Every structure is written in C-alpha cells, then in structure tokens.
Amino acid sequence: MSMTQHENKVFQTAANNAESLRQILVDAAVKAGGSSTTVTAAIKTAEAAYFRSVIASAVANGIEAGVWREGLFELTGSRT
C-alpha cells in the first residue's frame, strides 16, 4: 500500500484512509469480474473517489491540492 507521509496528521490519516478504501474497491471490482469494460469502469470510479477524497482533505487542511487535481484530471477530464 502506498502511504502518505505529511506533517499535517489529519490530512495524512485522511489520505491513507482514502488509499485503503481505493485498494479495497479495486480488489472488489476485480473479484466481481464481468466484462473488461465493467471492471475498468468500477476501477476508474474507485480511483476518482480516491482523488476527490484527498483533494477535499487537502483543501480542508490548507494544503495545496494541485498534484491530486492533475491526477483526477488525467483520469476523468475534470479537476473537481
């Protein structure tokens, strides 16, 4: 698991919880199976939720969220 290390422990905890949930959701999507389109869509949804959660925590904690916004944009075409 990729762990976030940050001096702001509230943000760090939120980001790590988001990553844990992302991994659970991706694993569940793969195990549920179905067409590759279905699995890919479920994984993309999990990834987008991760980025949005980390962005929300960053904003709430006064942390620059640009890198996560860019990741979300590359995934979905949206920065929000």
N, C-alpha and C. Protein backbone atom coordinates (compact mmCIF):
# COMPACT_ATOMS: atom_id res chain seq x y z
N MET A 1 0.85 -1.18 0.00
CA MET A 1 0.00 0.00 0.00
C MET A 1 0.89 1.23 0.00
N SER A 2 0.48 2.22 -0.76
CA SER A 2 1.17 3.49 -0.81
C SER A 2 0.70 4.33 0.38
N MET A 3 1.63 4.74 1.21
CA MET A 3 1.28 5.52 2.39
C MET A 3 1.72 6.96 2.22
N THR A 4 0.84 7.87 2.59
CA THR A 4 1.15 9.29 2.57
C THR A 4 1.80 9.67 3.89
N GLN A 5 2.90 10.38 3.80
CA GLN A 5 3.55 10.93 4.98
C GLN A 5 3.44 12.45 4.88
N HIS A 6 2.89 13.08 5.92
CA HIS A 6 2.72 14.53 5.89
C HIS A 6 2.79 15.06 7.31
N GLU A 7 3.27 16.28 7.44
CA GLU A 7 3.35 16.89 8.78
C GLU A 7 1.97 17.14 9.37
N ASN A 8 0.97 17.34 8.53
CA ASN A 8 -0.40 17.51 8.99
C ASN A 8 -1.01 16.11 9.15
N LYS A 9 -1.12 15.65 10.37
CA LYS A 9 -1.54 14.27 10.63
C LYS A 9 -3.02 14.04 10.30
N VAL A 10 -3.84 15.07 10.36
CA VAL A 10 -5.25 14.92 9.98
C VAL A 10 -5.32 14.61 8.49
N PHE A 11 -4.58 15.37 7.70
CA PHE A 11 -4.54 15.12 6.25
C PHE A 11 -3.92 13.75 5.98
N GLN A 12 -2.84 13.44 6.64
CA GLN A 12 -2.16 12.16 6.43
C GLN A 12 -3.12 10.99 6.67
N THR A 13 -3.86 11.05 7.76
CA THR A 13 -4.81 9.99 8.08
C THR A 13 -5.91 9.89 7.02
N ALA A 14 -6.44 11.03 6.61
CA ALA A 14 -7.49 11.02 5.59
C ALA A 14 -6.98 10.46 4.26
N ALA A 15 -5.79 10.85 3.86
CA ALA A 15 -5.22 10.36 2.61
C ALA A 15 -4.95 8.86 2.68
N ASN A 16 -4.45 8.40 3.81
CA ASN A 16 -4.18 6.96 3.96
C ASN A 16 -5.48 6.15 4.02
N ASN A 17 -6.50 6.70 4.65
CA ASN A 17 -7.80 6.02 4.66
C ASN A 17 -8.38 5.95 3.25
N ALA A 18 -8.23 7.03 2.49
CA ALA A 18 -8.71 7.04 1.11
C ALA A 18 -7.98 5.99 0.27
N GLU A 19 -6.68 5.87 0.48
CA GLU A 19 -5.90 4.86 -0.25
C GLU A 19 -6.33 3.45 0.13
N SER A 20 -6.57 3.22 1.41
CA SER A 20 -7.02 1.89 1.85
C SER A 20 -8.36 1.54 1.20
N LEU A 21 -9.28 2.49 1.20
CA LEU A 21 -10.59 2.25 0.58
C LEU A 21 -10.44 2.03 -0.92
N ARG A 22 -9.58 2.79 -1.57
CA ARG A 22 -9.35 2.62 -3.01
C ARG A 22 -8.90 1.20 -3.30
N GLN A 23 -7.98 0.70 -2.51
CA GLN A 23 -7.47 -0.66 -2.72
C GLN A 23 -8.56 -1.71 -2.51
N ILE A 24 -9.39 -1.51 -1.51
CA ILE A 24 -10.50 -2.44 -1.26
C ILE A 24 -11.46 -2.44 -2.43
N LEU A 25 -11.80 -1.26 -2.93
CA LEU A 25 -12.75 -1.15 -4.04
C LEU A 25 -12.19 -1.72 -5.33
N VAL A 26 -10.91 -1.49 -5.60
CA VAL A 26 -10.30 -2.06 -6.80
C VAL A 26 -10.28 -3.58 -6.70
N ASP A 27 -9.92 -4.09 -5.55
CA ASP A 27 -9.90 -5.54 -5.35
C ASP A 27 -11.30 -6.13 -5.54
N ALA A 28 -12.30 -5.47 -4.99
CA ALA A 28 -13.68 -5.94 -5.13
C ALA A 28 -14.13 -5.92 -6.59
N ALA A 29 -13.73 -4.90 -7.33
CA ALA A 29 -14.10 -4.82 -8.75
C ALA A 29 -13.49 -5.96 -9.54
N VAL A 30 -12.25 -6.26 -9.25
CA VAL A 30 -11.57 -7.35 -9.95
C VAL A 30 -12.21 -8.69 -9.59
N LYS A 31 -12.49 -8.89 -8.31
CA LYS A 31 -13.10 -10.15 -7.87
C LYS A 31 -14.52 -10.32 -8.39
N ALA A 32 -15.25 -9.22 -8.53
CA ALA A 32 -16.62 -9.29 -9.03
C ALA A 32 -16.65 -9.71 -10.49
N GLY A 33 -15.60 -9.37 -11.19
CA GLY A 33 -15.50 -9.78 -12.59
C GLY A 33 -16.48 -9.07 -13.48
N GLY A 34 -16.84 -9.74 -14.54
CA GLY A 34 -17.69 -9.13 -15.55
C GLY A 34 -16.84 -8.77 -16.75
N SER A 35 -17.40 -8.01 -17.63
CA SER A 35 -16.65 -7.62 -18.83
C SER A 35 -15.50 -6.70 -18.44
N SER A 36 -14.52 -6.63 -19.31
CA SER A 36 -13.40 -5.74 -19.02
C SER A 36 -13.87 -4.29 -18.92
N THR A 37 -14.90 -3.93 -19.66
CA THR A 37 -15.45 -2.58 -19.60
C THR A 37 -16.05 -2.31 -18.23
N THR A 38 -16.75 -3.28 -17.68
CA THR A 38 -17.38 -3.14 -16.37
C THR A 38 -16.32 -3.01 -15.28
N VAL A 39 -15.33 -3.87 -15.32
CA VAL A 39 -14.26 -3.84 -14.32
C VAL A 39 -13.49 -2.54 -14.42
N THR A 40 -13.17 -2.14 -15.62
CA THR A 40 -12.43 -0.89 -15.82
C THR A 40 -13.22 0.30 -15.30
N ALA A 41 -14.50 0.34 -15.56
CA ALA A 41 -15.35 1.44 -15.07
C ALA A 41 -15.38 1.48 -13.55
N ALA A 42 -15.48 0.31 -12.92
CA ALA A 42 -15.50 0.25 -11.45
C ALA A 42 -14.17 0.72 -10.86
N ILE A 43 -13.08 0.32 -11.49
CA ILE A 43 -11.76 0.76 -11.01
C ILE A 43 -11.60 2.26 -11.19
N LYS A 44 -12.03 2.78 -12.33
CA LYS A 44 -11.94 4.22 -12.58
C LYS A 44 -12.76 5.00 -11.55
N THR A 45 -13.92 4.47 -11.20
CA THR A 45 -14.75 5.11 -10.18
C THR A 45 -14.04 5.13 -8.83
N ALA A 46 -13.40 4.02 -8.47
CA ALA A 46 -12.66 3.94 -7.21
C ALA A 46 -11.49 4.92 -7.20
N GLU A 47 -10.78 5.00 -8.32
CA GLU A 47 -9.64 5.91 -8.43
C GLU A 47 -10.11 7.37 -8.31
N ALA A 48 -11.20 7.71 -8.98
CA ALA A 48 -11.72 9.08 -8.93
C ALA A 48 -12.16 9.43 -7.50
N ALA A 49 -12.79 8.49 -6.82
CA ALA A 49 -13.22 8.73 -5.43
C ALA A 49 -12.01 8.98 -4.54
N TYR A 50 -10.94 8.24 -4.76
CA TYR A 50 -9.70 8.45 -4.01
C TYR A 50 -9.21 9.88 -4.21
N PHE A 51 -9.06 10.30 -5.46
CA PHE A 51 -8.55 11.64 -5.74
C PHE A 51 -9.46 12.70 -5.12
N ARG A 52 -10.76 12.54 -5.25
CA ARG A 52 -11.69 13.54 -4.70
C ARG A 52 -11.61 13.61 -3.17
N SER A 53 -11.43 12.47 -2.54
CA SER A 53 -11.32 12.44 -1.09
C SER A 53 -10.04 13.15 -0.63
N VAL A 54 -8.94 12.87 -1.29
CA VAL A 54 -7.67 13.51 -0.92
C VAL A 54 -7.72 15.00 -1.21
N ILE A 55 -8.31 15.38 -2.33
CA ILE A 55 -8.45 16.81 -2.66
C ILE A 55 -9.27 17.52 -1.58
N ALA A 56 -10.38 16.92 -1.19
CA ALA A 56 -11.23 17.53 -0.16
C ALA A 56 -10.47 17.70 1.15
N SER A 57 -9.71 16.69 1.54
CA SER A 57 -8.95 16.80 2.78
C SER A 57 -7.85 17.84 2.66
N ALA A 58 -7.19 17.87 1.52
CA ALA A 58 -6.13 18.87 1.32
C ALA A 58 -6.71 20.28 1.44
N VAL A 59 -7.81 20.53 0.76
CA VAL A 59 -8.43 21.86 0.80
C VAL A 59 -8.86 22.20 2.23
N ALA A 60 -9.47 21.24 2.91
CA ALA A 60 -9.94 21.48 4.28
C ALA A 60 -8.79 21.76 5.25
N ASN A 61 -7.61 21.24 4.91
CA ASN A 61 -6.46 21.40 5.79
C ASN A 61 -5.45 22.43 5.29
N GLY A 62 -5.83 23.20 4.27
CA GLY A 62 -4.96 24.26 3.78
C GLY A 62 -3.72 23.76 3.06
N ILE A 63 -3.83 22.61 2.42
CA ILE A 63 -2.70 22.01 1.71
C ILE A 63 -2.96 22.12 0.21
N GLU A 64 -1.92 22.47 -0.54
CA GLU A 64 -2.03 22.59 -2.00
C GLU A 64 -2.45 21.24 -2.58
N ALA A 65 -3.52 21.26 -3.37
CA ALA A 65 -4.09 20.02 -3.90
C ALA A 65 -3.81 19.82 -5.38
N GLY A 66 -2.94 20.65 -5.96
CA GLY A 66 -2.71 20.63 -7.40
C GLY A 66 -2.32 19.28 -7.96
N VAL A 67 -1.46 18.56 -7.28
CA VAL A 67 -0.99 17.28 -7.81
C VAL A 67 -2.14 16.27 -7.89
N TRP A 68 -3.04 16.28 -6.91
CA TRP A 68 -4.18 15.36 -6.93
C TRP A 68 -5.23 15.82 -7.95
N ARG A 69 -5.39 17.13 -8.09
CA ARG A 69 -6.31 17.64 -9.11
C ARG A 69 -5.83 17.22 -10.50
N GLU A 70 -4.52 17.27 -10.72
CA GLU A 70 -3.98 16.86 -12.01
C GLU A 70 -4.20 15.37 -12.25
N GLY A 71 -4.00 14.56 -11.21
CA GLY A 71 -4.27 13.14 -11.33
C GLY A 71 -5.73 12.87 -11.66
N LEU A 72 -6.63 13.57 -11.00
CA LEU A 72 -8.06 13.41 -11.27
C LEU A 72 -8.38 13.85 -12.70
N PHE A 73 -7.76 14.95 -13.14
CA PHE A 73 -7.99 15.43 -14.50
C PHE A 73 -7.53 14.41 -15.53
N GLU A 74 -6.37 13.83 -15.32
CA GLU A 74 -5.86 12.83 -16.26
C GLU A 74 -6.78 11.60 -16.31
N LEU A 75 -7.41 11.28 -15.20
CA LEU A 75 -8.30 10.12 -15.13
C LEU A 75 -9.67 10.42 -15.71
N THR A 76 -10.22 11.60 -15.38
CA THR A 76 -11.63 11.87 -15.69
C THR A 76 -11.87 13.04 -16.64
N GLY A 77 -10.85 13.87 -16.83
CA GLY A 77 -11.06 15.09 -17.62
C GLY A 77 -11.60 16.25 -16.81
N SER A 78 -11.71 16.06 -15.49
CA SER A 78 -12.24 17.09 -14.58
C SER A 78 -11.27 17.25 -13.41
N ARG A 79 -11.14 18.46 -12.91
CA ARG A 79 -10.29 18.69 -11.74
C ARG A 79 -11.10 18.75 -10.44
N THR A 80 -12.40 18.50 -10.55
CA THR A 80 -13.25 18.53 -9.35
C THR A 80 -14.05 17.26 -9.24
